[in-house]
């Protein structure tokens, strides 16, 4: 690995870590008036299109199944989600939003839309925002491919250390 490659990897990782922190902070602010946390919103958002098992939510979000299970149980306790039978797997129930959960997410929509519009303007237009999304999705795909090639850890170096 060349110094330039290492620098690019470091800058990318540090940028993503910072961006993650920024998104978490703004998500907490957006979710709070709806009575949600950013994590609750994230899990509810994953099951809005269709109910999913906890393991499926964890895969989509890129976090541990245990973390999702804890949040899912809290959402069910609060009446924002419910467990449903899973026809594909008897023991792995599906998590689905309740009407109260859907209503909570809808309360976030105005602030979410306003933030999206501000980001579009800051980035210089919708095309620039779309390109940003494509680059991030490409990076995610590349990292997924590396992880699939070496599921037990980071990719091995190509040469001697």
N, C-alpha and C. Protein backbone atom coordinates (compact mmCIF):
# COMPACT_ATOMS: atom_id res chain seq x y z
N UNK A 1 0.85 -1.18 0.00
CA UNK A 1 0.00 0.00 0.00
C UNK A 1 0.90 1.24 0.00
N UNK A 2 0.61 2.14 -0.89
CA UNK A 2 1.41 3.36 -0.97
C UNK A 2 0.96 4.35 0.10
N UNK A 3 1.81 5.32 0.35
CA UNK A 3 1.50 6.38 1.32
C UNK A 3 0.23 7.12 0.87
N UNK A 4 0.09 7.35 -0.43
CA UNK A 4 -1.11 8.05 -0.95
C UNK A 4 -2.37 7.24 -0.67
N UNK A 5 -2.29 5.92 -0.87
CA UNK A 5 -3.45 5.05 -0.59
C UNK A 5 -3.79 5.08 0.90
N UNK A 6 -2.77 5.01 1.74
CA UNK A 6 -3.00 5.04 3.18
C UNK A 6 -3.62 6.37 3.60
N UNK A 7 -3.11 7.46 3.07
CA UNK A 7 -3.66 8.78 3.40
C UNK A 7 -5.12 8.88 2.97
N UNK A 8 -5.43 8.37 1.77
CA UNK A 8 -6.81 8.42 1.29
C UNK A 8 -7.72 7.60 2.19
N UNK A 9 -7.25 6.42 2.61
CA UNK A 9 -8.05 5.59 3.52
C UNK A 9 -8.26 6.30 4.85
N UNK A 10 -7.20 6.87 5.40
CA UNK A 10 -7.32 7.57 6.69
C UNK A 10 -8.26 8.76 6.59
N UNK A 11 -8.10 9.57 5.54
CA UNK A 11 -8.98 10.74 5.37
C UNK A 11 -10.43 10.31 5.19
N UNK A 12 -10.65 9.23 4.44
CA UNK A 12 -12.01 8.74 4.24
C UNK A 12 -12.61 8.27 5.55
N UNK A 13 -11.87 7.45 6.29
CA UNK A 13 -12.38 6.93 7.56
C UNK A 13 -12.68 8.06 8.54
N UNK A 14 -11.74 9.00 8.68
CA UNK A 14 -11.97 10.11 9.60
C UNK A 14 -13.15 10.96 9.16
N UNK A 15 -13.29 11.16 7.85
CA UNK A 15 -14.43 11.92 7.34
C UNK A 15 -15.76 11.23 7.60
N UNK A 16 -15.77 9.91 7.40
CA UNK A 16 -17.00 9.15 7.66
C UNK A 16 -17.34 9.15 9.14
N UNK A 17 -16.32 9.01 10.00
CA UNK A 17 -16.58 9.05 11.44
C UNK A 17 -17.17 10.41 11.85
N UNK A 18 -16.60 11.47 11.30
CA UNK A 18 -17.11 12.81 11.62
C UNK A 18 -18.53 12.98 11.09
N UNK A 19 -18.75 12.53 9.86
CA UNK A 19 -20.08 12.62 9.26
C UNK A 19 -21.10 11.81 10.05
N UNK A 20 -20.70 10.63 10.52
CA UNK A 20 -21.58 9.82 11.34
C UNK A 20 -21.99 10.58 12.61
N UNK A 21 -21.02 11.21 13.25
CA UNK A 21 -21.33 11.99 14.44
C UNK A 21 -22.27 13.14 14.14
N UNK A 22 -22.04 13.81 13.00
CA UNK A 22 -22.92 14.92 12.62
C UNK A 22 -24.33 14.42 12.33
N UNK A 23 -24.45 13.30 11.62
CA UNK A 23 -25.77 12.76 11.33
C UNK A 23 -26.48 12.30 12.60
N UNK A 24 -25.75 11.69 13.53
CA UNK A 24 -26.37 11.27 14.78
C UNK A 24 -26.88 12.48 15.57
N UNK A 25 -26.08 13.54 15.63
CA UNK A 25 -26.49 14.73 16.38
C UNK A 25 -27.74 15.36 15.77
N UNK A 26 -27.75 15.53 14.44
CA UNK A 26 -28.91 16.15 13.81
C UNK A 26 -30.13 15.22 13.88
N UNK A 27 -29.90 13.91 13.82
CA UNK A 27 -31.00 12.95 13.92
C UNK A 27 -31.65 12.99 15.30
N UNK A 28 -30.82 13.15 16.34
CA UNK A 28 -31.37 13.27 17.70
C UNK A 28 -32.27 14.50 17.79
N UNK A 29 -31.80 15.63 17.21
CA UNK A 29 -32.60 16.86 17.26
C UNK A 29 -33.91 16.71 16.48
N UNK A 30 -33.85 16.05 15.32
CA UNK A 30 -35.05 15.87 14.51
C UNK A 30 -36.04 14.91 15.18
N UNK A 31 -35.52 13.87 15.83
CA UNK A 31 -36.38 12.83 16.40
C UNK A 31 -36.99 13.22 17.74
N UNK A 32 -36.33 14.08 18.47
CA UNK A 32 -36.77 14.42 19.83
C UNK A 32 -38.21 14.92 19.92
N UNK A 33 -38.65 15.87 19.07
CA UNK A 33 -40.04 16.35 19.19
C UNK A 33 -41.08 15.25 18.93
N UNK A 34 -40.68 14.18 18.24
CA UNK A 34 -41.60 13.07 17.96
C UNK A 34 -41.57 12.03 19.08
N UNK A 35 -40.78 12.29 20.13
CA UNK A 35 -40.68 11.35 21.23
C UNK A 35 -39.80 10.15 20.92
N UNK A 36 -38.92 10.29 19.94
CA UNK A 36 -38.02 9.21 19.55
C UNK A 36 -36.57 9.60 19.80
N UNK A 37 -35.71 8.62 19.78
CA UNK A 37 -34.28 8.86 19.72
C UNK A 37 -33.85 8.58 18.28
N UNK A 38 -32.63 8.96 17.95
CA UNK A 38 -32.12 8.66 16.61
C UNK A 38 -32.12 7.16 16.36
N UNK A 39 -31.73 6.36 17.36
CA UNK A 39 -31.70 4.91 17.20
C UNK A 39 -33.10 4.33 17.00
N UNK A 40 -34.07 4.84 17.74
CA UNK A 40 -35.46 4.36 17.57
C UNK A 40 -35.94 4.69 16.17
N UNK A 41 -35.66 5.91 15.72
CA UNK A 41 -36.06 6.36 14.39
C UNK A 41 -35.42 5.48 13.32
N UNK A 42 -34.16 5.16 13.51
CA UNK A 42 -33.42 4.33 12.56
C UNK A 42 -34.07 2.95 12.42
N UNK A 43 -34.40 2.33 13.55
CA UNK A 43 -35.00 0.99 13.51
C UNK A 43 -36.41 1.07 12.93
N UNK A 44 -37.19 2.05 13.35
CA UNK A 44 -38.53 2.20 12.77
C UNK A 44 -38.44 2.44 11.26
N UNK A 45 -37.50 3.27 10.86
CA UNK A 45 -37.34 3.56 9.44
C UNK A 45 -37.01 2.32 8.62
N UNK A 46 -36.27 1.40 9.22
CA UNK A 46 -35.89 0.18 8.51
C UNK A 46 -37.10 -0.71 8.23
N UNK A 47 -38.13 -0.63 9.08
CA UNK A 47 -39.30 -1.51 8.92
C UNK A 47 -40.53 -0.80 8.36
N UNK A 48 -40.40 0.47 8.01
CA UNK A 48 -41.55 1.16 7.41
C UNK A 48 -41.99 0.52 6.10
N UNK A 49 -41.05 0.18 5.19
CA UNK A 49 -41.48 -0.42 3.92
C UNK A 49 -42.11 -1.81 4.09
N UNK A 50 -41.52 -2.60 5.00
CA UNK A 50 -42.04 -3.95 5.26
C UNK A 50 -41.46 -4.46 6.57
N UNK A 51 -42.22 -5.30 7.27
CA UNK A 51 -41.68 -5.89 8.51
C UNK A 51 -40.43 -6.73 8.21
N UNK A 52 -39.50 -6.71 9.15
CA UNK A 52 -38.24 -7.45 9.01
C UNK A 52 -37.90 -8.14 10.31
N UNK A 53 -37.16 -9.25 10.24
CA UNK A 53 -36.63 -9.83 11.48
C UNK A 53 -35.51 -8.94 12.01
N UNK A 54 -35.23 -9.06 13.28
CA UNK A 54 -34.18 -8.25 13.90
C UNK A 54 -32.85 -8.43 13.17
N UNK A 55 -32.53 -9.66 12.78
CA UNK A 55 -31.27 -9.89 12.08
C UNK A 55 -31.24 -9.15 10.74
N UNK A 56 -32.37 -9.06 10.06
CA UNK A 56 -32.43 -8.32 8.79
C UNK A 56 -32.25 -6.83 8.99
N UNK A 57 -32.82 -6.31 10.06
CA UNK A 57 -32.65 -4.89 10.38
C UNK A 57 -31.18 -4.61 10.67
N UNK A 58 -30.55 -5.49 11.44
CA UNK A 58 -29.13 -5.31 11.79
C UNK A 58 -28.27 -5.31 10.53
N UNK A 59 -28.57 -6.20 9.57
CA UNK A 59 -27.80 -6.24 8.32
C UNK A 59 -27.95 -4.93 7.55
N UNK A 60 -29.18 -4.44 7.42
CA UNK A 60 -29.45 -3.20 6.69
C UNK A 60 -28.72 -2.02 7.34
N UNK A 61 -28.72 -1.99 8.66
CA UNK A 61 -28.13 -0.87 9.39
C UNK A 61 -26.63 -1.02 9.61
N UNK A 62 -26.11 -2.23 9.46
CA UNK A 62 -24.69 -2.45 9.68
C UNK A 62 -24.29 -2.43 11.15
N UNK A 63 -25.20 -2.86 12.02
CA UNK A 63 -24.90 -2.93 13.45
C UNK A 63 -25.23 -4.32 13.97
N UNK A 64 -24.96 -4.57 15.24
CA UNK A 64 -25.17 -5.91 15.79
C UNK A 64 -26.64 -6.22 16.00
N UNK A 65 -26.94 -7.50 15.90
CA UNK A 65 -28.31 -7.97 16.14
C UNK A 65 -28.74 -7.64 17.57
N UNK A 66 -27.82 -7.74 18.52
CA UNK A 66 -28.15 -7.47 19.92
C UNK A 66 -28.58 -6.02 20.12
N UNK A 67 -27.90 -5.09 19.44
CA UNK A 67 -28.27 -3.68 19.55
C UNK A 67 -29.68 -3.45 19.02
N UNK A 68 -29.97 -4.05 17.88
CA UNK A 68 -31.30 -3.90 17.29
C UNK A 68 -32.34 -4.56 18.18
N UNK A 69 -32.04 -5.72 18.74
CA UNK A 69 -32.99 -6.42 19.60
C UNK A 69 -33.39 -5.56 20.79
N UNK A 70 -32.40 -4.92 21.40
CA UNK A 70 -32.68 -4.06 22.56
C UNK A 70 -33.61 -2.92 22.17
N UNK A 71 -33.34 -2.27 21.04
CA UNK A 71 -34.17 -1.16 20.58
C UNK A 71 -35.55 -1.66 20.16
N UNK A 72 -35.60 -2.78 19.46
CA UNK A 72 -36.89 -3.34 19.04
C UNK A 72 -37.77 -3.64 20.25
N UNK A 73 -37.20 -4.23 21.29
CA UNK A 73 -37.97 -4.53 22.49
C UNK A 73 -38.51 -3.24 23.14
N UNK A 74 -37.70 -2.18 23.14
CA UNK A 74 -38.16 -0.90 23.68
C UNK A 74 -39.29 -0.31 22.84
N UNK A 75 -39.17 -0.40 21.51
CA UNK A 75 -40.21 0.11 20.62
C UNK A 75 -41.52 -0.64 20.84
N UNK A 76 -41.43 -1.94 21.03
CA UNK A 76 -42.63 -2.75 21.29
C UNK A 76 -43.23 -2.35 22.64
N UNK A 77 -42.39 -2.21 23.66
CA UNK A 77 -42.85 -1.81 24.99
C UNK A 77 -43.58 -0.46 24.95
N UNK A 78 -43.07 0.47 24.11
CA UNK A 78 -43.66 1.80 24.00
C UNK A 78 -44.85 1.85 23.04
N UNK A 79 -45.19 0.74 22.41
CA UNK A 79 -46.32 0.70 21.50
C UNK A 79 -46.04 1.28 20.12
N UNK A 80 -44.77 1.47 19.80
CA UNK A 80 -44.39 2.05 18.50
C UNK A 80 -44.14 0.98 17.44
N UNK A 81 -44.00 -0.26 17.88
CA UNK A 81 -43.79 -1.39 16.97
C UNK A 81 -44.39 -2.63 17.62
N UNK A 82 -44.53 -3.66 16.81
CA UNK A 82 -45.09 -4.92 17.30
C UNK A 82 -44.37 -6.08 16.62
N UNK A 83 -44.29 -7.20 17.32
CA UNK A 83 -43.75 -8.41 16.71
C UNK A 83 -44.89 -9.16 16.04
N UNK A 84 -44.60 -9.65 14.83
CA UNK A 84 -45.58 -10.42 14.07
C UNK A 84 -44.99 -11.77 13.72
N UNK A 85 -45.84 -12.76 13.48
CA UNK A 85 -45.32 -14.07 13.06
C UNK A 85 -44.56 -13.94 11.74
N UNK A 86 -43.52 -14.75 11.61
CA UNK A 86 -42.70 -14.76 10.41
C UNK A 86 -42.97 -16.08 9.67
N UNK A 87 -43.62 -16.01 8.52
CA UNK A 87 -43.92 -17.26 7.81
C UNK A 87 -42.67 -18.02 7.35
N UNK A 88 -41.53 -17.31 7.23
CA UNK A 88 -40.30 -17.95 6.78
C UNK A 88 -39.50 -18.57 7.92
N UNK A 89 -39.80 -18.17 9.16
CA UNK A 89 -39.00 -18.66 10.29
C UNK A 89 -39.85 -18.56 11.55
N UNK A 90 -40.15 -19.70 12.14
CA UNK A 90 -41.07 -19.74 13.28
C UNK A 90 -40.57 -18.94 14.48
N UNK A 91 -39.27 -18.97 14.77
CA UNK A 91 -38.76 -18.33 15.98
C UNK A 91 -38.35 -16.88 15.78
N UNK A 92 -37.96 -16.49 14.56
CA UNK A 92 -37.49 -15.12 14.30
C UNK A 92 -38.68 -14.26 13.88
N UNK A 93 -39.33 -13.66 14.84
CA UNK A 93 -40.50 -12.82 14.57
C UNK A 93 -40.11 -11.61 13.73
N UNK A 94 -41.10 -11.05 13.07
CA UNK A 94 -40.90 -9.83 12.27
C UNK A 94 -41.25 -8.62 13.12
N UNK A 95 -40.50 -7.56 12.99
CA UNK A 95 -40.82 -6.30 13.65
C UNK A 95 -41.55 -5.42 12.65
N UNK A 96 -42.67 -4.87 13.07
CA UNK A 96 -43.47 -4.00 12.21
C UNK A 96 -43.85 -2.74 12.99
N UNK A 97 -43.89 -1.60 12.33
CA UNK A 97 -44.31 -0.38 13.05
C UNK A 97 -45.82 -0.44 13.31
N UNK A 98 -46.22 0.11 14.43
CA UNK A 98 -47.65 0.28 14.70
C UNK A 98 -48.07 1.62 14.09
N UNK A 99 -49.34 1.91 14.15
CA UNK A 99 -49.79 3.22 13.66
C UNK A 99 -49.14 4.34 14.48
N UNK A 100 -48.98 4.11 15.79
CA UNK A 100 -48.31 5.12 16.63
C UNK A 100 -46.86 5.32 16.18
N UNK A 101 -46.18 4.26 15.80
CA UNK A 101 -44.82 4.37 15.30
C UNK A 101 -44.75 5.12 13.99
N UNK A 102 -45.68 4.81 13.08
CA UNK A 102 -45.74 5.52 11.80
C UNK A 102 -46.04 7.01 12.02
N UNK A 103 -46.94 7.29 12.95
CA UNK A 103 -47.28 8.70 13.24
C UNK A 103 -46.08 9.44 13.80
N UNK A 104 -45.31 8.78 14.66
CA UNK A 104 -44.11 9.43 15.23
C UNK A 104 -43.12 9.77 14.11
N UNK A 105 -42.92 8.85 13.18
CA UNK A 105 -41.99 9.11 12.08
C UNK A 105 -42.52 10.23 11.19
N UNK A 106 -43.84 10.26 10.97
CA UNK A 106 -44.42 11.35 10.15
C UNK A 106 -44.19 12.71 10.79
N UNK A 107 -44.15 12.78 12.12
CA UNK A 107 -43.90 14.06 12.80
C UNK A 107 -42.47 14.56 12.53
N UNK A 108 -41.58 13.68 12.14
CA UNK A 108 -40.20 14.06 11.83
C UNK A 108 -40.10 14.61 10.41
N UNK A 109 -41.03 14.22 9.54
CA UNK A 109 -40.94 14.55 8.12
C UNK A 109 -40.70 16.03 7.81
N UNK A 110 -41.39 16.98 8.44
CA UNK A 110 -41.13 18.39 8.07
C UNK A 110 -39.69 18.82 8.33
N UNK A 111 -39.13 18.47 9.47
CA UNK A 111 -37.74 18.82 9.76
C UNK A 111 -36.77 18.09 8.85
N UNK A 112 -37.09 16.86 8.54
CA UNK A 112 -36.26 16.05 7.64
C UNK A 112 -36.25 16.67 6.25
N UNK A 113 -37.42 17.07 5.77
CA UNK A 113 -37.52 17.70 4.44
C UNK A 113 -36.76 19.02 4.41
N UNK A 114 -36.85 19.78 5.47
CA UNK A 114 -36.16 21.07 5.53
C UNK A 114 -34.65 20.87 5.52
N UNK A 115 -34.16 19.88 6.27
CA UNK A 115 -32.73 19.59 6.28
C UNK A 115 -32.27 19.12 4.90
N UNK A 116 -33.06 18.28 4.24
CA UNK A 116 -32.70 17.82 2.89
C UNK A 116 -32.59 19.00 1.93
N UNK A 117 -33.53 19.92 2.00
CA UNK A 117 -33.50 21.09 1.12
C UNK A 117 -32.27 21.95 1.40
N UNK A 118 -31.93 22.12 2.67
CA UNK A 118 -30.74 22.90 3.02
C UNK A 118 -29.47 22.23 2.52
N UNK A 119 -29.41 20.90 2.63
CA UNK A 119 -28.23 20.18 2.13
C UNK A 119 -28.12 20.30 0.61
N UNK A 120 -29.24 20.21 -0.09
CA UNK A 120 -29.21 20.36 -1.55
C UNK A 120 -28.63 21.72 -1.92
N UNK A 121 -29.09 22.76 -1.25
CA UNK A 121 -28.57 24.11 -1.53
C UNK A 121 -27.08 24.20 -1.20
N UNK A 122 -26.67 23.67 -0.06
CA UNK A 122 -25.27 23.75 0.37
C UNK A 122 -24.34 22.99 -0.57
N UNK A 123 -24.83 21.88 -1.12
CA UNK A 123 -24.02 21.08 -2.04
C UNK A 123 -24.04 21.60 -3.47
N UNK A 124 -24.91 22.57 -3.76
CA UNK A 124 -24.93 23.16 -5.09
C UNK A 124 -25.98 22.58 -6.03
N UNK A 125 -26.96 21.89 -5.48
CA UNK A 125 -28.05 21.39 -6.31
C UNK A 125 -28.29 19.90 -6.14
N UNK A 126 -29.43 19.47 -6.67
CA UNK A 126 -29.83 18.07 -6.52
C UNK A 126 -28.86 17.11 -7.21
N UNK A 127 -28.34 17.50 -8.39
CA UNK A 127 -27.39 16.63 -9.09
C UNK A 127 -26.15 16.37 -8.25
N UNK A 128 -25.65 17.40 -7.57
CA UNK A 128 -24.48 17.24 -6.72
C UNK A 128 -24.79 16.33 -5.53
N UNK A 129 -25.99 16.48 -4.97
CA UNK A 129 -26.40 15.63 -3.85
C UNK A 129 -26.51 14.18 -4.33
N UNK A 130 -27.12 13.97 -5.49
CA UNK A 130 -27.25 12.62 -6.05
C UNK A 130 -25.88 11.99 -6.28
N UNK A 131 -24.92 12.77 -6.75
CA UNK A 131 -23.56 12.26 -6.96
C UNK A 131 -22.91 11.89 -5.62
N UNK A 132 -23.15 12.67 -4.59
CA UNK A 132 -22.64 12.36 -3.25
C UNK A 132 -23.18 11.01 -2.79
N UNK A 133 -24.47 10.80 -2.99
CA UNK A 133 -25.09 9.53 -2.61
C UNK A 133 -24.46 8.37 -3.40
N UNK A 134 -24.27 8.56 -4.71
CA UNK A 134 -23.67 7.50 -5.53
C UNK A 134 -22.27 7.15 -5.04
N UNK A 135 -21.47 8.14 -4.70
CA UNK A 135 -20.11 7.89 -4.22
C UNK A 135 -20.16 7.13 -2.89
N UNK A 136 -21.02 7.54 -1.99
CA UNK A 136 -21.14 6.83 -0.71
C UNK A 136 -21.60 5.39 -0.92
N UNK A 137 -22.58 5.19 -1.80
CA UNK A 137 -23.06 3.83 -2.07
C UNK A 137 -21.96 2.98 -2.71
N UNK A 138 -21.13 3.59 -3.55
CA UNK A 138 -20.01 2.87 -4.16
C UNK A 138 -18.99 2.47 -3.09
N UNK A 139 -18.71 3.37 -2.15
CA UNK A 139 -17.80 3.07 -1.06
C UNK A 139 -18.36 1.94 -0.19
N UNK A 140 -19.63 1.99 0.12
CA UNK A 140 -20.27 0.93 0.91
C UNK A 140 -20.16 -0.40 0.18
N UNK A 141 -20.42 -0.39 -1.12
CA UNK A 141 -20.30 -1.62 -1.91
C UNK A 141 -18.89 -2.18 -1.89
N UNK A 142 -17.90 -1.31 -2.00
CA UNK A 142 -16.51 -1.75 -1.98
C UNK A 142 -16.16 -2.34 -0.61
N UNK A 143 -16.59 -1.70 0.46
CA UNK A 143 -16.33 -2.23 1.80
C UNK A 143 -17.05 -3.55 2.01
N UNK A 144 -18.29 -3.67 1.51
CA UNK A 144 -19.01 -4.94 1.60
C UNK A 144 -18.25 -6.05 0.88
N UNK A 145 -17.71 -5.73 -0.30
CA UNK A 145 -16.96 -6.72 -1.07
C UNK A 145 -15.70 -7.15 -0.33
N UNK A 146 -14.99 -6.21 0.29
CA UNK A 146 -13.80 -6.55 1.07
C UNK A 146 -14.16 -7.42 2.26
N UNK A 147 -15.26 -7.08 2.92
CA UNK A 147 -15.70 -7.85 4.08
C UNK A 147 -16.10 -9.26 3.67
N UNK A 148 -16.77 -9.39 2.53
CA UNK A 148 -17.18 -10.71 2.05
C UNK A 148 -15.96 -11.56 1.69
N UNK A 149 -14.92 -10.92 1.19
CA UNK A 149 -13.72 -11.64 0.80
C UNK A 149 -12.91 -12.08 2.02
N UNK A 150 -13.03 -11.36 3.12
CA UNK A 150 -12.30 -11.66 4.36
C UNK A 150 -13.25 -11.50 5.54
N UNK A 151 -14.22 -12.44 5.71
CA UNK A 151 -15.25 -12.26 6.73
C UNK A 151 -14.75 -12.28 8.16
N UNK A 152 -13.52 -12.74 8.40
CA UNK A 152 -13.02 -12.81 9.77
C UNK A 152 -12.21 -11.61 10.21
N UNK A 153 -12.22 -10.55 9.41
CA UNK A 153 -11.48 -9.38 9.82
C UNK A 153 -11.12 -8.52 8.64
N UNK A 154 -10.26 -7.54 8.88
CA UNK A 154 -9.87 -6.64 7.79
C UNK A 154 -9.07 -7.40 6.74
N UNK A 155 -9.07 -6.88 5.52
CA UNK A 155 -8.31 -7.56 4.47
C UNK A 155 -6.83 -7.65 4.84
N UNK A 156 -6.25 -8.78 4.46
CA UNK A 156 -4.83 -8.99 4.74
C UNK A 156 -3.98 -8.10 3.84
N UNK A 157 -2.85 -7.64 4.31
CA UNK A 157 -1.96 -6.84 3.46
C UNK A 157 -1.47 -7.67 2.28
N UNK A 158 -1.18 -6.99 1.18
CA UNK A 158 -0.72 -7.67 -0.02
C UNK A 158 0.73 -8.13 0.07
N UNK A 159 1.50 -7.48 0.88
CA UNK A 159 2.92 -7.80 0.94
C UNK A 159 3.41 -7.80 2.37
N UNK A 160 4.70 -7.88 2.56
CA UNK A 160 5.25 -7.88 3.92
C UNK A 160 5.00 -6.54 4.62
N UNK A 161 4.85 -6.63 5.90
CA UNK A 161 4.58 -5.43 6.70
C UNK A 161 5.79 -4.58 6.88
